[in-house]
Amino acid sequence: MTQKTAWFVLHRIREMLREKAPKMLGETKMVEVDEAYLGGREKNKHAKKRRSENGFTTNEGKPYKAKKVIVGLIERDGHVVLKHVPSADAKNMVSFIKNHVPANSTIYSDEAPVYKQLKKVYTHDSVKHALNIYVEGAVHTNTIENFWSVLKRGLYGIYHQVSDKHVSRYLDEYAARFNTRKLSSSDRFVNFLQESESVLNYNSLTKKQ
C-alpha cells in the first residue's frame, strides 16, 4: 500500500484505540499528575530553521511556536489518562484533573505552582525536585515520569514529530498500550475490536484546522 494509505489506516486504528468513556481514577489508588512537553529543541535544529521567540526564520517565515503541553494522570498500578492542552496553567490543568479524579482522592505532583490549589479538593502532596528530592516516603512522581520516557521514545524514535492536529490520536495509542498491558495479545485484539465504533473518514482527517 502507499504511504498515504498506511497513514490513514494507522489513524483509523488509533481512533479505534481511543477510550470512549475514560474511567475515573483514584477511587482506590493513589494518582500522580505531571506535564510533559513535546517538540524539538531550537538549538538542535539546522541554523536556517531555528525560530526566535520574537521573530521568524529567514527562509520559512514561520513564527516561533512553543512545545506541545501534555498533561497526564496515572494511577499506581492502574490506568493513565492523557490530554493535549493549550498551556500548562490552572485553567487547563486543574479542570482536567477534576474531570478524571473524584474529590478526596490522593494526588501527588511536583512543586509546580499550578498544583497548589489541589489541596482544596484532594489529599495532595508534592515532591521537591528543585531541591533534588525525588522520593519522600510514598510521595513521588516516578510512575508518570517513567511513562513519559516510554511515550517520548516512541514518538521521537518511530514518528519523529507529530502535529498539533493529530497529537491527541498518538496519545490515545500510547494510553491504550499502557492501559491494556496486563491483557494477553488475543484479549487486547478482542477488546479493541469491541471498541471500534467510531467512523473516521479521510476528508475529516486531513481537513485543515
N, C-alpha and C. Protein backbone atom coordinates (compact mmCIF):
# COMPACT_ATOMS: atom_id res chain seq x y z
N MET A 1 0.84 -1.19 0.00
CA MET A 1 0.00 0.00 0.00
C MET A 1 0.88 1.25 0.00
N THR A 2 0.30 2.36 -0.37
CA THR A 2 1.05 3.61 -0.42
C THR A 2 1.25 4.17 0.98
N GLN A 3 2.16 5.12 1.10
CA GLN A 3 2.39 5.76 2.41
C GLN A 3 1.13 6.46 2.88
N LYS A 4 0.41 7.09 1.97
CA LYS A 4 -0.81 7.81 2.35
C LYS A 4 -1.87 6.85 2.88
N THR A 5 -2.00 5.70 2.25
CA THR A 5 -2.97 4.71 2.71
C THR A 5 -2.57 4.15 4.07
N ALA A 6 -1.29 3.86 4.24
CA ALA A 6 -0.81 3.34 5.53
C ALA A 6 -1.05 4.35 6.65
N TRP A 7 -0.80 5.61 6.35
CA TRP A 7 -1.03 6.69 7.34
C TRP A 7 -2.49 6.74 7.74
N PHE A 8 -3.39 6.64 6.75
CA PHE A 8 -4.82 6.66 7.00
C PHE A 8 -5.26 5.46 7.84
N VAL A 9 -4.75 4.27 7.50
CA VAL A 9 -5.09 3.06 8.24
C VAL A 9 -4.65 3.17 9.70
N LEU A 10 -3.44 3.66 9.92
CA LEU A 10 -2.93 3.78 11.29
C LEU A 10 -3.77 4.76 12.12
N HIS A 11 -4.21 5.84 11.50
CA HIS A 11 -5.04 6.78 12.25
C HIS A 11 -6.42 6.19 12.54
N ARG A 12 -6.91 5.36 11.67
CA ARG A 12 -8.19 4.69 11.95
C ARG A 12 -8.03 3.70 13.10
N ILE A 13 -6.87 3.06 13.17
CA ILE A 13 -6.60 2.16 14.29
C ILE A 13 -6.52 2.96 15.59
N ARG A 14 -5.86 4.12 15.54
CA ARG A 14 -5.78 4.96 16.75
C ARG A 14 -7.16 5.43 17.19
N GLU A 15 -8.02 5.71 16.23
CA GLU A 15 -9.40 6.07 16.57
C GLU A 15 -10.09 4.91 17.28
N MET A 16 -9.81 3.69 16.86
CA MET A 16 -10.36 2.50 17.50
C MET A 16 -9.82 2.35 18.92
N LEU A 17 -8.56 2.74 19.13
CA LEU A 17 -7.94 2.60 20.44
C LEU A 17 -8.39 3.67 21.43
N ARG A 18 -8.98 4.73 20.93
CA ARG A 18 -9.40 5.83 21.79
C ARG A 18 -10.42 5.33 22.81
N GLU A 19 -10.18 5.64 24.08
CA GLU A 19 -11.09 5.23 25.14
C GLU A 19 -12.32 6.14 25.10
N LYS A 20 -13.47 5.54 24.80
CA LYS A 20 -14.68 6.33 24.57
C LYS A 20 -15.20 6.96 25.86
N ALA A 21 -15.06 6.26 26.98
CA ALA A 21 -15.52 6.77 28.27
C ALA A 21 -14.45 6.49 29.32
N PRO A 22 -13.42 7.34 29.39
CA PRO A 22 -12.33 7.11 30.35
C PRO A 22 -12.84 6.96 31.77
N LYS A 23 -12.32 5.98 32.48
CA LYS A 23 -12.76 5.71 33.84
C LYS A 23 -12.23 6.78 34.79
N MET A 24 -12.91 6.92 35.91
CA MET A 24 -12.43 7.82 36.96
C MET A 24 -11.24 7.17 37.65
N LEU A 25 -10.23 7.96 37.94
CA LEU A 25 -9.03 7.45 38.58
C LEU A 25 -9.03 7.80 40.05
N GLY A 26 -8.28 7.04 40.81
CA GLY A 26 -8.03 7.41 42.19
C GLY A 26 -9.08 6.99 43.19
N GLU A 27 -10.10 6.26 42.77
CA GLU A 27 -11.13 5.86 43.73
C GLU A 27 -10.57 4.88 44.76
N THR A 28 -9.60 4.06 44.33
CA THR A 28 -8.99 3.10 45.26
C THR A 28 -7.47 3.17 45.24
N LYS A 29 -6.89 4.00 44.35
CA LYS A 29 -5.44 4.04 44.21
C LYS A 29 -4.92 5.48 44.25
N MET A 30 -3.65 5.62 44.57
CA MET A 30 -3.02 6.94 44.53
C MET A 30 -2.76 7.34 43.08
N VAL A 31 -2.87 8.63 42.84
CA VAL A 31 -2.73 9.17 41.48
C VAL A 31 -1.57 10.14 41.43
N GLU A 32 -0.80 10.07 40.35
CA GLU A 32 0.27 11.04 40.10
C GLU A 32 -0.12 11.91 38.91
N VAL A 33 0.22 13.19 38.98
CA VAL A 33 -0.06 14.11 37.89
C VAL A 33 1.24 14.82 37.51
N ASP A 34 1.40 15.05 36.22
CA ASP A 34 2.59 15.74 35.73
C ASP A 34 2.31 16.23 34.32
N GLU A 35 3.14 17.13 33.84
CA GLU A 35 3.02 17.58 32.46
C GLU A 35 4.30 17.26 31.71
N ALA A 36 4.16 17.04 30.41
CA ALA A 36 5.31 16.78 29.54
C ALA A 36 5.24 17.74 28.35
N TYR A 37 6.38 17.94 27.72
CA TYR A 37 6.46 18.88 26.61
C TYR A 37 7.05 18.17 25.40
N LEU A 38 6.33 18.22 24.28
CA LEU A 38 6.75 17.56 23.06
C LEU A 38 7.17 18.60 22.02
N GLY A 39 8.27 18.32 21.34
CA GLY A 39 8.76 19.23 20.31
C GLY A 39 10.26 19.34 20.36
N GLY A 40 10.86 19.49 19.20
CA GLY A 40 12.31 19.57 19.14
C GLY A 40 12.86 20.85 19.73
N ARG A 41 14.05 20.77 20.28
CA ARG A 41 14.70 21.95 20.83
C ARG A 41 15.24 22.81 19.68
N GLU A 42 15.07 24.10 19.83
CA GLU A 42 15.52 25.01 18.77
C GLU A 42 17.03 24.87 18.52
N LYS A 43 17.80 24.66 19.59
CA LYS A 43 19.26 24.60 19.43
C LYS A 43 19.70 23.36 18.66
N ASN A 44 18.82 22.35 18.56
CA ASN A 44 19.17 21.13 17.83
C ASN A 44 18.78 21.20 16.36
N LYS A 45 18.09 22.27 15.96
CA LYS A 45 17.65 22.39 14.57
C LYS A 45 18.74 23.02 13.71
N HIS A 46 18.62 22.81 12.41
CA HIS A 46 19.52 23.46 11.47
C HIS A 46 19.41 24.98 11.64
N ALA A 47 20.50 25.67 11.48
CA ALA A 47 20.54 27.11 11.72
C ALA A 47 19.47 27.86 10.93
N LYS A 48 19.18 27.41 9.71
CA LYS A 48 18.21 28.10 8.87
C LYS A 48 16.76 27.84 9.30
N LYS A 49 16.57 26.85 10.18
CA LYS A 49 15.21 26.51 10.59
C LYS A 49 14.92 26.89 12.04
N ARG A 50 15.91 27.42 12.72
CA ARG A 50 15.67 27.83 14.09
C ARG A 50 14.77 29.05 14.13
N ARG A 51 13.93 29.11 15.14
CA ARG A 51 12.99 30.22 15.26
C ARG A 51 13.23 30.98 16.55
N SER A 52 13.06 32.25 16.48
CA SER A 52 13.22 33.10 17.66
C SER A 52 11.85 33.37 18.26
N GLU A 53 11.80 33.49 19.58
CA GLU A 53 10.52 33.80 20.23
C GLU A 53 9.98 35.15 19.78
N ASN A 54 10.85 36.02 19.35
CA ASN A 54 10.42 37.36 18.96
C ASN A 54 10.50 37.59 17.46
N GLY A 55 10.80 36.53 16.70
CA GLY A 55 10.97 36.74 15.27
C GLY A 55 10.61 35.52 14.44
N PHE A 56 11.19 35.46 13.24
CA PHE A 56 10.86 34.42 12.28
C PHE A 56 12.15 33.83 11.72
N THR A 57 12.01 32.72 11.03
CA THR A 57 13.17 32.17 10.34
C THR A 57 13.40 32.98 9.07
N THR A 58 14.61 32.92 8.57
CA THR A 58 14.92 33.71 7.37
C THR A 58 14.35 33.07 6.12
N ASN A 59 14.13 31.73 6.16
CA ASN A 59 13.71 31.08 4.92
C ASN A 59 12.25 30.64 4.93
N GLU A 60 11.65 30.41 6.13
CA GLU A 60 10.28 29.90 6.16
C GLU A 60 9.24 30.97 6.47
N GLY A 61 9.64 31.97 7.21
CA GLY A 61 8.68 32.99 7.59
C GLY A 61 7.66 32.51 8.61
N LYS A 62 7.96 31.42 9.33
CA LYS A 62 7.03 30.88 10.32
C LYS A 62 7.36 31.41 11.71
N PRO A 63 6.37 31.80 12.47
CA PRO A 63 6.63 32.32 13.81
C PRO A 63 7.04 31.22 14.77
N TYR A 64 7.68 31.62 15.84
CA TYR A 64 8.07 30.68 16.88
C TYR A 64 6.82 30.05 17.48
N LYS A 65 6.86 28.74 17.75
CA LYS A 65 5.74 28.06 18.38
C LYS A 65 6.26 27.23 19.54
N ALA A 66 5.68 27.42 20.70
CA ALA A 66 6.14 26.69 21.88
C ALA A 66 5.86 25.20 21.75
N LYS A 67 6.51 24.41 22.60
CA LYS A 67 6.30 22.97 22.58
C LYS A 67 4.86 22.63 22.97
N LYS A 68 4.44 21.43 22.55
CA LYS A 68 3.10 20.95 22.90
C LYS A 68 3.10 20.55 24.38
N VAL A 69 2.05 20.93 25.08
CA VAL A 69 1.93 20.60 26.51
C VAL A 69 0.98 19.42 26.66
N ILE A 70 1.45 18.37 27.30
CA ILE A 70 0.64 17.19 27.56
C ILE A 70 0.51 17.03 29.07
N VAL A 71 -0.71 16.93 29.55
CA VAL A 71 -0.93 16.67 30.97
C VAL A 71 -1.34 15.21 31.13
N GLY A 72 -0.79 14.56 32.14
CA GLY A 72 -1.07 13.15 32.35
C GLY A 72 -1.43 12.84 33.79
N LEU A 73 -2.38 11.94 33.95
CA LEU A 73 -2.76 11.39 35.26
C LEU A 73 -2.53 9.89 35.21
N ILE A 74 -1.90 9.35 36.22
CA ILE A 74 -1.65 7.91 36.23
C ILE A 74 -1.88 7.34 37.62
N GLU A 75 -2.58 6.23 37.66
CA GLU A 75 -2.76 5.51 38.90
C GLU A 75 -1.56 4.60 39.12
N ARG A 76 -1.15 4.45 40.33
CA ARG A 76 -0.09 3.49 40.61
C ARG A 76 -0.67 2.08 40.44
N ASP A 77 -0.05 1.34 39.54
CA ASP A 77 -0.53 0.01 39.17
C ASP A 77 -1.93 0.08 38.58
N GLY A 78 -2.19 1.15 37.80
CA GLY A 78 -3.52 1.30 37.22
C GLY A 78 -3.47 1.92 35.84
N HIS A 79 -4.43 2.81 35.57
CA HIS A 79 -4.61 3.41 34.25
C HIS A 79 -3.93 4.77 34.14
N VAL A 80 -3.78 5.19 32.88
CA VAL A 80 -3.26 6.51 32.58
C VAL A 80 -4.27 7.23 31.70
N VAL A 81 -4.40 8.54 31.89
CA VAL A 81 -5.24 9.39 31.05
C VAL A 81 -4.40 10.59 30.61
N LEU A 82 -4.46 10.92 29.33
CA LEU A 82 -3.62 11.97 28.77
C LEU A 82 -4.46 13.00 28.03
N LYS A 83 -3.93 14.22 27.96
CA LYS A 83 -4.62 15.25 27.17
C LYS A 83 -3.62 16.29 26.71
N HIS A 84 -3.78 16.72 25.46
CA HIS A 84 -3.01 17.84 24.91
C HIS A 84 -3.75 19.12 25.27
N VAL A 85 -3.09 20.02 26.01
CA VAL A 85 -3.73 21.26 26.44
C VAL A 85 -2.98 22.46 25.85
N PRO A 86 -3.66 23.59 25.68
CA PRO A 86 -3.02 24.77 25.09
C PRO A 86 -1.83 25.29 25.88
N SER A 87 -1.93 25.22 27.22
CA SER A 87 -0.85 25.72 28.06
C SER A 87 -0.95 25.08 29.43
N ALA A 88 0.16 25.14 30.16
CA ALA A 88 0.22 24.50 31.49
C ALA A 88 -0.22 25.49 32.57
N ASP A 89 -1.46 25.95 32.49
CA ASP A 89 -1.96 26.86 33.51
C ASP A 89 -3.08 26.17 34.30
N ALA A 90 -3.53 26.82 35.35
CA ALA A 90 -4.52 26.22 36.24
C ALA A 90 -5.82 25.92 35.52
N LYS A 91 -6.24 26.79 34.61
CA LYS A 91 -7.50 26.60 33.91
C LYS A 91 -7.51 25.27 33.17
N ASN A 92 -6.42 24.95 32.49
CA ASN A 92 -6.36 23.71 31.72
C ASN A 92 -6.02 22.50 32.58
N MET A 93 -5.07 22.65 33.47
CA MET A 93 -4.56 21.51 34.23
C MET A 93 -5.55 21.06 35.29
N VAL A 94 -6.02 21.98 36.11
CA VAL A 94 -6.86 21.61 37.24
C VAL A 94 -8.23 21.12 36.77
N SER A 95 -8.78 21.73 35.74
CA SER A 95 -10.07 21.28 35.23
C SER A 95 -9.98 19.86 34.69
N PHE A 96 -8.86 19.53 34.05
CA PHE A 96 -8.64 18.17 33.54
C PHE A 96 -8.58 17.18 34.70
N ILE A 97 -7.88 17.55 35.76
CA ILE A 97 -7.76 16.68 36.93
C ILE A 97 -9.13 16.44 37.55
N LYS A 98 -9.93 17.50 37.72
CA LYS A 98 -11.24 17.35 38.34
C LYS A 98 -12.18 16.50 37.51
N ASN A 99 -11.99 16.49 36.19
CA ASN A 99 -12.84 15.68 35.32
C ASN A 99 -12.55 14.19 35.44
N HIS A 100 -11.35 13.84 35.92
CA HIS A 100 -10.94 12.44 35.91
C HIS A 100 -10.61 11.85 37.28
N VAL A 101 -10.57 12.70 38.30
CA VAL A 101 -10.23 12.20 39.64
C VAL A 101 -11.30 12.67 40.62
N PRO A 102 -11.99 11.76 41.31
CA PRO A 102 -13.02 12.17 42.27
C PRO A 102 -12.43 12.91 43.46
N ALA A 103 -13.24 13.76 44.05
CA ALA A 103 -12.80 14.55 45.21
C ALA A 103 -12.36 13.63 46.35
N ASN A 104 -11.41 14.15 47.12
CA ASN A 104 -10.85 13.46 48.30
C ASN A 104 -9.90 12.32 47.95
N SER A 105 -9.59 12.14 46.67
CA SER A 105 -8.57 11.16 46.29
C SER A 105 -7.19 11.70 46.68
N THR A 106 -6.20 10.81 46.67
CA THR A 106 -4.82 11.20 46.98
C THR A 106 -4.07 11.45 45.68
N ILE A 107 -3.50 12.64 45.54
CA ILE A 107 -2.77 13.03 44.33
C ILE A 107 -1.38 13.52 44.72
N TYR A 108 -0.38 13.05 43.97
CA TYR A 108 0.99 13.51 44.15
C TYR A 108 1.46 14.20 42.87
N SER A 109 2.24 15.27 43.06
CA SER A 109 2.75 16.03 41.91
C SER A 109 4.13 16.56 42.26
N ASP A 110 4.71 17.32 41.31
CA ASP A 110 5.93 18.06 41.66
C ASP A 110 5.50 19.38 42.29
N GLU A 111 6.46 20.28 42.50
CA GLU A 111 6.16 21.51 43.24
C GLU A 111 5.67 22.66 42.36
N ALA A 112 5.28 22.41 41.13
CA ALA A 112 4.81 23.48 40.25
C ALA A 112 3.64 24.23 40.88
N PRO A 113 3.64 25.56 40.84
CA PRO A 113 2.59 26.36 41.49
C PRO A 113 1.18 26.03 41.02
N VAL A 114 1.04 25.56 39.78
CA VAL A 114 -0.29 25.29 39.24
C VAL A 114 -1.03 24.23 40.04
N TYR A 115 -0.30 23.37 40.78
CA TYR A 115 -0.95 22.29 41.53
C TYR A 115 -1.33 22.67 42.95
N LYS A 116 -0.98 23.87 43.39
CA LYS A 116 -1.21 24.24 44.79
C LYS A 116 -2.69 24.22 45.18
N GLN A 117 -3.55 24.58 44.24
CA GLN A 117 -4.97 24.63 44.58
C GLN A 117 -5.63 23.26 44.68
N LEU A 118 -4.88 22.19 44.40
CA LEU A 118 -5.45 20.85 44.51
C LEU A 118 -5.82 20.50 45.95
N LYS A 119 -5.14 21.14 46.90
CA LYS A 119 -5.41 20.85 48.32
C LYS A 119 -6.85 21.19 48.71
N LYS A 120 -7.50 22.03 47.94
CA LYS A 120 -8.88 22.39 48.25
C LYS A 120 -9.85 21.23 48.03
N VAL A 121 -9.46 20.31 47.16
CA VAL A 121 -10.37 19.22 46.77
C VAL A 121 -9.81 17.84 47.09
N TYR A 122 -8.47 17.72 47.10
CA TYR A 122 -7.83 16.42 47.22
C TYR A 122 -6.87 16.36 48.41
N THR A 123 -6.49 15.14 48.76
CA THR A 123 -5.35 14.95 49.64
C THR A 123 -4.13 15.04 48.76
N HIS A 124 -3.44 16.16 48.82
CA HIS A 124 -2.38 16.45 47.86
C HIS A 124 -1.05 16.69 48.55
N ASP A 125 0.01 16.13 47.98
CA ASP A 125 1.36 16.39 48.46
C ASP A 125 2.27 16.45 47.24
N SER A 126 3.39 17.14 47.38
CA SER A 126 4.30 17.31 46.25
C SER A 126 5.73 16.97 46.65
N VAL A 127 6.50 16.55 45.66
CA VAL A 127 7.91 16.23 45.86
C VAL A 127 8.73 17.40 45.33
N LYS A 128 9.80 17.74 46.01
CA LYS A 128 10.55 18.95 45.69
C LYS A 128 11.76 18.63 44.81
N HIS A 129 11.51 18.58 43.51
CA HIS A 129 12.59 18.28 42.56
C HIS A 129 13.66 19.36 42.56
N ALA A 130 13.27 20.60 42.82
CA ALA A 130 14.24 21.70 42.81
C ALA A 130 15.32 21.52 43.88
N LEU A 131 14.99 20.77 44.93
CA LEU A 131 15.95 20.50 46.00
C LEU A 131 16.60 19.13 45.82
N ASN A 132 16.43 18.56 44.61
CA ASN A 132 16.97 17.23 44.31
C ASN A 132 16.37 16.14 45.20
N ILE A 133 15.12 16.35 45.60
CA ILE A 133 14.38 15.34 46.35
C ILE A 133 13.38 14.71 45.39
N TYR A 134 13.49 13.41 45.19
CA TYR A 134 12.65 12.74 44.21
C TYR A 134 11.68 11.74 44.84
N VAL A 135 11.96 11.32 46.06
CA VAL A 135 11.06 10.41 46.77
C VAL A 135 11.07 10.77 48.24
N GLU A 136 9.87 10.95 48.80
CA GLU A 136 9.71 11.15 50.25
C GLU A 136 8.61 10.20 50.71
N GLY A 137 9.01 9.02 51.16
CA GLY A 137 8.02 8.02 51.52
C GLY A 137 7.21 7.61 50.30
N ALA A 138 5.89 7.79 50.37
CA ALA A 138 5.02 7.45 49.24
C ALA A 138 4.89 8.58 48.24
N VAL A 139 5.48 9.74 48.56
CA VAL A 139 5.33 10.92 47.71
C VAL A 139 6.40 10.93 46.62
N HIS A 140 5.98 10.72 45.39
CA HIS A 140 6.88 10.81 44.23
C HIS A 140 6.05 10.83 42.96
N THR A 141 6.70 11.17 41.86
CA THR A 141 6.04 11.15 40.54
C THR A 141 6.79 10.25 39.58
N ASN A 142 7.46 9.24 40.11
CA ASN A 142 8.28 8.36 39.27
C ASN A 142 7.45 7.57 38.27
N THR A 143 6.22 7.21 38.64
CA THR A 143 5.39 6.40 37.75
C THR A 143 5.06 7.16 36.47
N ILE A 144 4.58 8.40 36.62
CA ILE A 144 4.22 9.18 35.44
C ILE A 144 5.46 9.58 34.65
N GLU A 145 6.58 9.82 35.32
CA GLU A 145 7.81 10.18 34.61
C GLU A 145 8.34 8.99 33.81
N ASN A 146 8.19 7.78 34.33
CA ASN A 146 8.56 6.59 33.56
C ASN A 146 7.69 6.46 32.32
N PHE A 147 6.41 6.79 32.47
CA PHE A 147 5.52 6.74 31.31
C PHE A 147 5.93 7.77 30.26
N TRP A 148 6.30 8.98 30.70
CA TRP A 148 6.74 10.00 29.74
C TRP A 148 7.95 9.50 28.95
N SER A 149 8.86 8.78 29.61
CA SER A 149 10.03 8.26 28.91
C SER A 149 9.63 7.32 27.78
N VAL A 150 8.67 6.44 28.07
CA VAL A 150 8.20 5.50 27.05
C VAL A 150 7.51 6.24 25.91
N LEU A 151 6.66 7.21 26.26
CA LEU A 151 5.94 7.99 25.25
C LEU A 151 6.90 8.73 24.33
N LYS A 152 7.86 9.42 24.91
CA LYS A 152 8.78 10.23 24.10
C LYS A 152 9.69 9.37 23.25
N ARG A 153 10.16 8.26 23.79
CA ARG A 153 10.99 7.35 22.98
C ARG A 153 10.19 6.83 21.79
N GLY A 154 8.93 6.53 22.01
CA GLY A 154 8.10 6.03 20.93
C GLY A 154 7.83 7.07 19.88
N LEU A 155 7.44 8.28 20.31
CA LEU A 155 7.12 9.33 19.35
C LEU A 155 8.34 9.79 18.57
N TYR A 156 9.44 10.04 19.28
CA TYR A 156 10.63 10.54 18.60
C TYR A 156 11.32 9.45 17.80
N GLY A 157 11.30 8.22 18.32
CA GLY A 157 12.00 7.13 17.65
C GLY A 157 11.27 6.57 16.45
N ILE A 158 9.92 6.56 16.51
CA ILE A 158 9.13 5.98 15.42
C ILE A 158 8.58 7.05 14.49
N TYR A 159 7.94 8.07 15.06
CA TYR A 159 7.23 9.06 14.25
C TYR A 159 8.04 10.35 14.06
N HIS A 160 9.05 10.56 14.88
CA HIS A 160 9.95 11.72 14.80
C HIS A 160 9.29 13.04 15.21
N GLN A 161 8.11 13.32 14.68
CA GLN A 161 7.39 14.51 15.12
C GLN A 161 5.90 14.30 14.82
N VAL A 162 5.06 14.97 15.61
CA VAL A 162 3.62 14.89 15.40
C VAL A 162 3.05 16.30 15.42
N SER A 163 1.99 16.51 14.66
CA SER A 163 1.39 17.83 14.55
C SER A 163 0.42 18.08 15.70
N ASP A 164 0.09 19.35 15.91
CA ASP A 164 -0.90 19.70 16.93
C ASP A 164 -2.24 19.03 16.63
N LYS A 165 -2.59 18.96 15.35
CA LYS A 165 -3.89 18.42 14.97
C LYS A 165 -4.03 16.95 15.34
N HIS A 166 -2.95 16.17 15.19
CA HIS A 166 -3.05 14.73 15.35
C HIS A 166 -2.42 14.19 16.64
N VAL A 167 -1.82 15.06 17.44
CA VAL A 167 -1.10 14.57 18.61
C VAL A 167 -2.02 13.80 19.56
N SER A 168 -3.29 14.19 19.66
CA SER A 168 -4.21 13.50 20.57
C SER A 168 -4.40 12.05 20.18
N ARG A 169 -4.35 11.76 18.88
CA ARG A 169 -4.51 10.37 18.44
C ARG A 169 -3.31 9.53 18.85
N TYR A 170 -2.13 10.11 18.80
CA TYR A 170 -0.94 9.38 19.25
C TYR A 170 -0.98 9.16 20.76
N LEU A 171 -1.53 10.12 21.48
CA LEU A 171 -1.69 9.94 22.92
C LEU A 171 -2.68 8.80 23.20
N ASP A 172 -3.75 8.72 22.40
CA ASP A 172 -4.70 7.62 22.54
C ASP A 172 -4.01 6.28 22.35
N GLU A 173 -3.12 6.23 21.36
CA GLU A 173 -2.41 4.98 21.08
C GLU A 173 -1.57 4.54 22.27
N TYR A 174 -0.79 5.45 22.82
CA TYR A 174 0.12 5.05 23.90
C TYR A 174 -0.62 4.84 25.22
N ALA A 175 -1.73 5.54 25.42
CA ALA A 175 -2.54 5.29 26.60
C ALA A 175 -3.17 3.90 26.51
N ALA A 176 -3.65 3.53 25.32
CA ALA A 176 -4.26 2.21 25.14
C ALA A 176 -3.23 1.10 25.33
N ARG A 177 -2.03 1.31 24.82
CA ARG A 177 -0.96 0.31 25.02
C ARG A 177 -0.73 0.08 26.51
N PHE A 178 -0.66 1.19 27.25
CA PHE A 178 -0.36 1.10 28.69
C PHE A 178 -1.53 0.49 29.46
N ASN A 179 -2.74 0.92 29.16
CA ASN A 179 -3.90 0.51 29.94
C ASN A 179 -4.29 -0.94 29.70
N THR A 180 -3.79 -1.55 28.63
CA THR A 180 -4.09 -2.96 28.35
C THR A 180 -2.85 -3.84 28.50
N ARG A 181 -1.85 -3.32 29.20
CA ARG A 181 -0.58 -4.03 29.28
C ARG A 181 -0.68 -5.38 29.98
N LYS A 182 -1.69 -5.56 30.82
CA LYS A 182 -1.83 -6.81 31.56
C LYS A 182 -2.66 -7.85 30.81
N LEU A 183 -3.23 -7.47 29.66
CA LEU A 183 -4.01 -8.40 28.86
C LEU A 183 -3.11 -9.18 27.92
N SER A 184 -3.56 -10.35 27.54
CA SER A 184 -2.84 -11.13 26.52
C SER A 184 -3.07 -10.48 25.16
N SER A 185 -2.27 -10.84 24.17
CA SER A 185 -2.41 -10.26 22.83
C SER A 185 -3.79 -10.54 22.25
N SER A 186 -4.32 -11.75 22.46
CA SER A 186 -5.64 -12.09 21.93
C SER A 186 -6.74 -11.29 22.63
N ASP A 187 -6.63 -11.13 23.95
CA ASP A 187 -7.62 -10.35 24.68
C ASP A 187 -7.58 -8.88 24.29
N ARG A 188 -6.37 -8.37 24.06
CA ARG A 188 -6.23 -6.99 23.59
C ARG A 188 -6.94 -6.81 22.25
N PHE A 189 -6.72 -7.75 21.34
CA PHE A 189 -7.30 -7.66 20.00
C PHE A 189 -8.82 -7.65 20.08
N VAL A 190 -9.39 -8.56 20.87
CA VAL A 190 -10.84 -8.62 21.02
C VAL A 190 -11.36 -7.34 21.66
N ASN A 191 -10.67 -6.85 22.68
CA ASN A 191 -11.08 -5.64 23.37
C ASN A 191 -11.11 -4.44 22.42
N PHE A 192 -10.07 -4.30 21.60
CA PHE A 192 -10.01 -3.18 20.67
C PHE A 192 -11.09 -3.28 19.60
N LEU A 193 -11.39 -4.50 19.14
CA LEU A 193 -12.44 -4.67 18.14
C LEU A 193 -13.81 -4.28 18.71
N GLN A 194 -14.03 -4.63 19.96
CA GLN A 194 -15.30 -4.29 20.59
C GLN A 194 -15.48 -2.79 20.74
N GLU A 195 -14.37 -2.07 20.81
CA GLU A 195 -14.42 -0.62 20.97
C GLU A 195 -14.42 0.13 19.65
N SER A 196 -14.39 -0.60 18.53
CA SER A 196 -14.25 0.05 17.21
C SER A 196 -15.61 0.48 16.69
N GLU A 197 -16.16 1.52 17.31
CA GLU A 197 -17.48 2.02 16.93
C GLU A 197 -17.40 3.30 16.10
N SER A 198 -16.32 4.04 16.25
CA SER A 198 -16.22 5.35 15.61
C SER A 198 -15.93 5.23 14.12
N VAL A 199 -16.35 6.25 13.38
CA VAL A 199 -16.07 6.33 11.94
C VAL A 199 -15.14 7.51 11.70
N LEU A 200 -14.08 7.27 10.97
CA LEU A 200 -13.12 8.32 10.65
C LEU A 200 -12.85 8.30 9.16
N ASN A 201 -13.28 9.34 8.46
CA ASN A 201 -13.04 9.37 7.01
C ASN A 201 -11.83 10.25 6.69
N TYR A 202 -11.32 10.08 5.51
CA TYR A 202 -10.07 10.74 5.12
C TYR A 202 -10.22 12.25 5.06
N ASN A 203 -11.37 12.74 4.62
CA ASN A 203 -11.56 14.17 4.50
C ASN A 203 -11.51 14.87 5.85
N SER A 204 -12.16 14.27 6.85
CA SER A 204 -12.14 14.89 8.18
C SER A 204 -10.75 14.80 8.79
N LEU A 205 -10.00 13.75 8.45
CA LEU A 205 -8.67 13.58 8.99
C LEU A 205 -7.69 14.60 8.43
N THR A 206 -7.88 14.97 7.17
CA THR A 206 -6.93 15.87 6.50
C THR A 206 -7.44 17.31 6.42
N LYS A 207 -8.64 17.57 6.90
CA LYS A 207 -9.19 18.92 6.83
C LYS A 207 -8.36 19.87 7.66
N LYS A 208 -8.03 21.01 7.12
CA LYS A 208 -7.22 21.99 7.84
C LYS A 208 -8.02 22.59 8.98
N GLN A 209 -7.32 22.81 10.12
CA GLN A 209 -7.97 23.40 11.27
C GLN A 209 -8.13 24.90 11.11
